Structure formats: C-alpha cells, structure tokens
N, C-alpha and C. Protein backbone atom coordinates (compact mmCIF):
# COMPACT_ATOMS: atom_id res chain seq x y z
N MET A 1 116.31 100.73 61.43
CA MET A 1 116.18 99.52 62.20
C MET A 1 115.75 99.83 63.63
N ARG A 2 116.30 100.91 64.18
CA ARG A 2 115.93 101.28 65.55
C ARG A 2 114.44 101.59 65.65
N GLN A 3 113.91 102.26 64.63
CA GLN A 3 112.49 102.59 64.64
C GLN A 3 111.64 101.32 64.62
N THR A 4 112.05 100.34 63.85
CA THR A 4 111.34 99.07 63.80
C THR A 4 111.38 98.38 65.15
N LEU A 5 112.53 98.42 65.80
CA LEU A 5 112.67 97.83 67.13
C LEU A 5 111.75 98.53 68.11
N GLU A 6 111.72 99.85 68.09
CA GLU A 6 110.87 100.59 69.01
C GLU A 6 109.39 100.29 68.76
N GLN A 7 108.99 100.17 67.49
CA GLN A 7 107.61 99.82 67.17
C GLN A 7 107.27 98.43 67.69
N THR A 8 108.19 97.49 67.51
CA THR A 8 107.95 96.13 67.97
C THR A 8 107.88 96.07 69.49
N LEU A 9 108.72 96.85 70.18
CA LEU A 9 108.65 96.93 71.64
C LEU A 9 107.30 97.49 72.07
N ASN A 10 106.81 98.50 71.37
CA ASN A 10 105.50 99.06 71.70
C ASN A 10 104.39 98.04 71.48
N GLU A 11 104.49 97.26 70.40
CA GLU A 11 103.51 96.20 70.15
C GLU A 11 103.52 95.18 71.28
N LEU A 12 104.71 94.79 71.70
CA LEU A 12 104.82 93.82 72.79
C LEU A 12 104.22 94.40 74.07
N HIS A 13 104.50 95.66 74.35
CA HIS A 13 103.93 96.31 75.53
C HIS A 13 102.40 96.27 75.47
N ASP A 14 101.82 96.57 74.32
CA ASP A 14 100.37 96.53 74.16
C ASP A 14 99.83 95.12 74.35
N GLN A 15 100.54 94.13 73.80
CA GLN A 15 100.11 92.74 73.95
C GLN A 15 100.16 92.32 75.42
N LEU A 16 101.18 92.76 76.13
CA LEU A 16 101.28 92.44 77.56
C LEU A 16 100.11 93.04 78.34
N ALA A 17 99.74 94.25 77.98
CA ALA A 17 98.64 94.92 78.66
C ALA A 17 97.32 94.18 78.43
N GLY A 18 97.18 93.57 77.26
CA GLY A 18 95.94 92.88 76.94
C GLY A 18 95.92 91.40 77.26
N ALA A 19 97.03 90.84 77.66
CA ALA A 19 97.11 89.40 77.94
C ALA A 19 96.54 89.12 79.34
N GLN A 20 95.33 88.61 79.36
CA GLN A 20 94.64 88.38 80.63
C GLN A 20 95.10 87.12 81.36
N ASP A 21 95.67 86.16 80.64
CA ASP A 21 95.99 84.88 81.25
C ASP A 21 97.45 84.75 81.70
N LEU A 22 98.17 85.86 81.76
CA LEU A 22 99.54 85.83 82.28
C LEU A 22 99.52 85.97 83.79
N ASP A 23 100.34 85.18 84.45
CA ASP A 23 100.43 85.41 85.90
C ASP A 23 101.35 86.61 86.13
N GLU A 24 101.31 87.14 87.32
CA GLU A 24 102.03 88.39 87.61
C GLU A 24 103.54 88.24 87.46
N ALA A 25 104.08 87.09 87.81
CA ALA A 25 105.53 86.87 87.67
C ALA A 25 105.94 86.91 86.20
N GLN A 26 105.17 86.27 85.33
CA GLN A 26 105.46 86.28 83.90
C GLN A 26 105.36 87.69 83.33
N ARG A 27 104.31 88.39 83.71
CA ARG A 27 104.09 89.75 83.22
C ARG A 27 105.24 90.66 83.68
N THR A 28 105.65 90.52 84.92
CA THR A 28 106.74 91.33 85.47
C THR A 28 108.04 91.05 84.74
N ARG A 29 108.35 89.77 84.50
CA ARG A 29 109.59 89.40 83.81
C ARG A 29 109.64 90.01 82.40
N LEU A 30 108.54 89.92 81.69
CA LEU A 30 108.51 90.48 80.33
C LEU A 30 108.58 92.01 80.35
N ARG A 31 107.89 92.62 81.27
CA ARG A 31 107.95 94.08 81.37
C ARG A 31 109.38 94.55 81.68
N GLN A 32 110.06 93.83 82.56
CA GLN A 32 111.44 94.19 82.90
C GLN A 32 112.35 94.06 81.68
N ALA A 33 112.16 93.00 80.91
CA ALA A 33 112.98 92.81 79.71
C ALA A 33 112.73 93.93 78.71
N VAL A 34 111.46 94.29 78.49
CA VAL A 34 111.12 95.37 77.57
C VAL A 34 111.71 96.69 78.07
N GLN A 35 111.58 96.92 79.35
CA GLN A 35 112.09 98.16 79.94
C GLN A 35 113.62 98.25 79.80
N GLU A 36 114.30 97.14 80.03
CA GLU A 36 115.76 97.14 79.91
C GLU A 36 116.18 97.42 78.46
N ILE A 37 115.47 96.83 77.51
CA ILE A 37 115.79 97.06 76.11
C ILE A 37 115.59 98.53 75.77
N GLN A 38 114.47 99.09 76.20
CA GLN A 38 114.20 100.50 75.91
C GLN A 38 115.24 101.42 76.54
N GLN A 39 115.67 101.09 77.74
CA GLN A 39 116.68 101.91 78.42
C GLN A 39 118.03 101.81 77.70
N THR A 40 118.38 100.63 77.24
CA THR A 40 119.68 100.47 76.60
C THR A 40 119.72 101.13 75.22
N LEU A 41 118.56 101.32 74.61
CA LEU A 41 118.54 102.03 73.33
C LEU A 41 119.02 103.47 73.49
N ASP A 42 118.83 104.03 74.67
CA ASP A 42 119.23 105.41 74.93
C ASP A 42 120.57 105.50 75.65
N ASP A 43 121.20 104.37 75.87
CA ASP A 43 122.45 104.33 76.62
C ASP A 43 123.53 103.67 75.75
N SER A 44 124.72 104.14 75.86
CA SER A 44 125.80 103.54 75.07
C SER A 44 126.28 102.22 75.64
N LYS A 45 125.95 101.93 76.87
CA LYS A 45 126.36 100.66 77.51
C LYS A 45 125.21 99.66 77.38
N VAL A 46 125.40 98.67 76.55
CA VAL A 46 124.36 97.69 76.29
C VAL A 46 124.83 96.32 76.76
N SER A 47 124.01 95.66 77.55
CA SER A 47 124.32 94.31 78.00
C SER A 47 123.57 93.33 77.12
N SER A 48 124.17 93.01 75.97
CA SER A 48 123.49 92.14 75.02
C SER A 48 123.28 90.74 75.56
N ALA A 49 124.21 90.25 76.35
CA ALA A 49 124.07 88.90 76.90
C ALA A 49 122.86 88.83 77.82
N SER A 50 122.69 89.82 78.65
CA SER A 50 121.55 89.87 79.57
C SER A 50 120.24 89.96 78.81
N LEU A 51 120.20 90.83 77.80
CA LEU A 51 118.97 90.98 77.01
C LEU A 51 118.63 89.69 76.29
N ALA A 52 119.61 89.09 75.66
CA ALA A 52 119.37 87.86 74.92
C ALA A 52 118.89 86.74 75.83
N THR A 53 119.48 86.62 77.00
CA THR A 53 119.09 85.59 77.96
C THR A 53 117.65 85.79 78.40
N GLN A 54 117.29 87.02 78.74
CA GLN A 54 115.92 87.30 79.17
C GLN A 54 114.91 87.00 78.07
N LEU A 55 115.23 87.37 76.85
CA LEU A 55 114.31 87.12 75.75
C LEU A 55 114.17 85.63 75.47
N LYS A 56 115.27 84.89 75.52
CA LYS A 56 115.20 83.44 75.29
C LYS A 56 114.36 82.76 76.36
N GLN A 57 114.50 83.18 77.61
CA GLN A 57 113.70 82.61 78.69
C GLN A 57 112.22 82.91 78.49
N ALA A 58 111.93 84.13 78.08
CA ALA A 58 110.54 84.52 77.85
C ALA A 58 109.93 83.70 76.71
N VAL A 59 110.69 83.52 75.65
CA VAL A 59 110.20 82.75 74.52
C VAL A 59 109.91 81.31 74.93
N ALA A 60 110.80 80.71 75.68
CA ALA A 60 110.61 79.33 76.12
C ALA A 60 109.34 79.17 76.95
N GLN A 61 109.04 80.14 77.78
CA GLN A 61 107.86 80.06 78.64
C GLN A 61 106.55 80.27 77.89
N PHE A 62 106.57 81.08 76.85
CA PHE A 62 105.34 81.48 76.21
C PHE A 62 105.09 80.86 74.84
N GLU A 63 105.99 80.00 74.40
CA GLU A 63 105.92 79.47 73.04
C GLU A 63 104.55 78.90 72.68
N GLN A 64 104.01 78.05 73.52
CA GLN A 64 102.75 77.40 73.19
C GLN A 64 101.54 78.18 73.70
N SER A 65 101.65 78.77 74.86
CA SER A 65 100.47 79.42 75.44
C SER A 65 100.21 80.82 74.91
N HIS A 66 101.25 81.49 74.40
CA HIS A 66 101.09 82.87 73.93
C HIS A 66 101.85 83.08 72.62
N PRO A 67 101.34 82.54 71.53
CA PRO A 67 102.06 82.62 70.26
C PRO A 67 102.30 84.06 69.78
N ALA A 68 101.38 84.98 70.02
CA ALA A 68 101.59 86.37 69.57
C ALA A 68 102.73 87.02 70.35
N LEU A 69 102.81 86.78 71.65
CA LEU A 69 103.91 87.30 72.45
C LEU A 69 105.23 86.70 71.99
N THR A 70 105.21 85.40 71.73
CA THR A 70 106.42 84.73 71.28
C THR A 70 106.91 85.31 69.96
N ASN A 71 105.99 85.59 69.06
CA ASN A 71 106.35 86.16 67.77
C ASN A 71 106.98 87.54 67.96
N SER A 72 106.39 88.37 68.80
CA SER A 72 106.93 89.71 69.04
C SER A 72 108.31 89.65 69.68
N ILE A 73 108.47 88.77 70.64
CA ILE A 73 109.75 88.63 71.32
C ILE A 73 110.81 88.15 70.33
N GLY A 74 110.44 87.21 69.47
CA GLY A 74 111.38 86.72 68.46
C GLY A 74 111.81 87.82 67.50
N ARG A 75 110.87 88.67 67.10
CA ARG A 75 111.20 89.78 66.21
C ARG A 75 112.15 90.76 66.90
N ILE A 76 111.92 91.01 68.18
CA ILE A 76 112.79 91.91 68.93
C ILE A 76 114.19 91.32 69.02
N ALA A 77 114.29 90.04 69.32
CA ALA A 77 115.60 89.39 69.40
C ALA A 77 116.33 89.46 68.07
N ASP A 78 115.60 89.23 66.97
CA ASP A 78 116.22 89.31 65.64
C ASP A 78 116.72 90.72 65.35
N LEU A 79 115.91 91.72 65.68
CA LEU A 79 116.31 93.11 65.44
C LEU A 79 117.54 93.49 66.27
N LEU A 80 117.57 93.04 67.52
CA LEU A 80 118.73 93.32 68.37
C LEU A 80 119.98 92.68 67.77
N ALA A 81 119.84 91.47 67.28
CA ALA A 81 120.98 90.78 66.68
C ALA A 81 121.46 91.51 65.43
N GLN A 82 120.53 91.98 64.61
CA GLN A 82 120.90 92.72 63.41
C GLN A 82 121.58 94.04 63.73
N MET A 83 121.22 94.62 64.87
CA MET A 83 121.83 95.88 65.29
C MET A 83 123.18 95.66 65.97
N GLY A 84 123.52 94.39 66.20
CA GLY A 84 124.77 94.08 66.88
C GLY A 84 124.69 94.23 68.38
N ILE A 85 123.48 94.18 68.89
CA ILE A 85 123.28 94.32 70.35
C ILE A 85 123.11 92.96 70.96
C-alpha cells in the first residue's frame, strides 16, 4: 500500500509540474501537502488530521477546474485512510 501511495504522490507531483493554469498560491498549497505526506511516510509521528484537512481543501478548490488533480488527491486520501493515517 505504501508503494501505491508513493506512486500516486509522484503522479500528483508530475501533474502539478504540468498544470499551467494554477496560480502560485494553489500550486504552493498542493506542493506543501504532498511534501508533508512524503515526510510523514518516513517519520513515526503522523498528523493525520492536518493531512486530511489539507487534502480536503485542495479537492474542494480543484474539483471542477482540475479533475485529474482532484482524482489523484482523492486516491491519496483514500490510501492514507486505508493505512490508518
């Protein structure tokens, strides 16, 4: 499951790099969320509430304008939930 999560995070990172119509604040918020998730995978202290909140906010902002990003974020949230994070 961890490998799937890491692959999905990498996909999201690639999508962020290619998304030309994101403003800098949106791009920064998503990058920070991805970075926090990646850091917590290597740390025993995981702030699941913080991660879940950031992902939900990102999904709400991008639902209509960026369906591929929304799909990736949703998959990451599902994987985190399955891992108990």
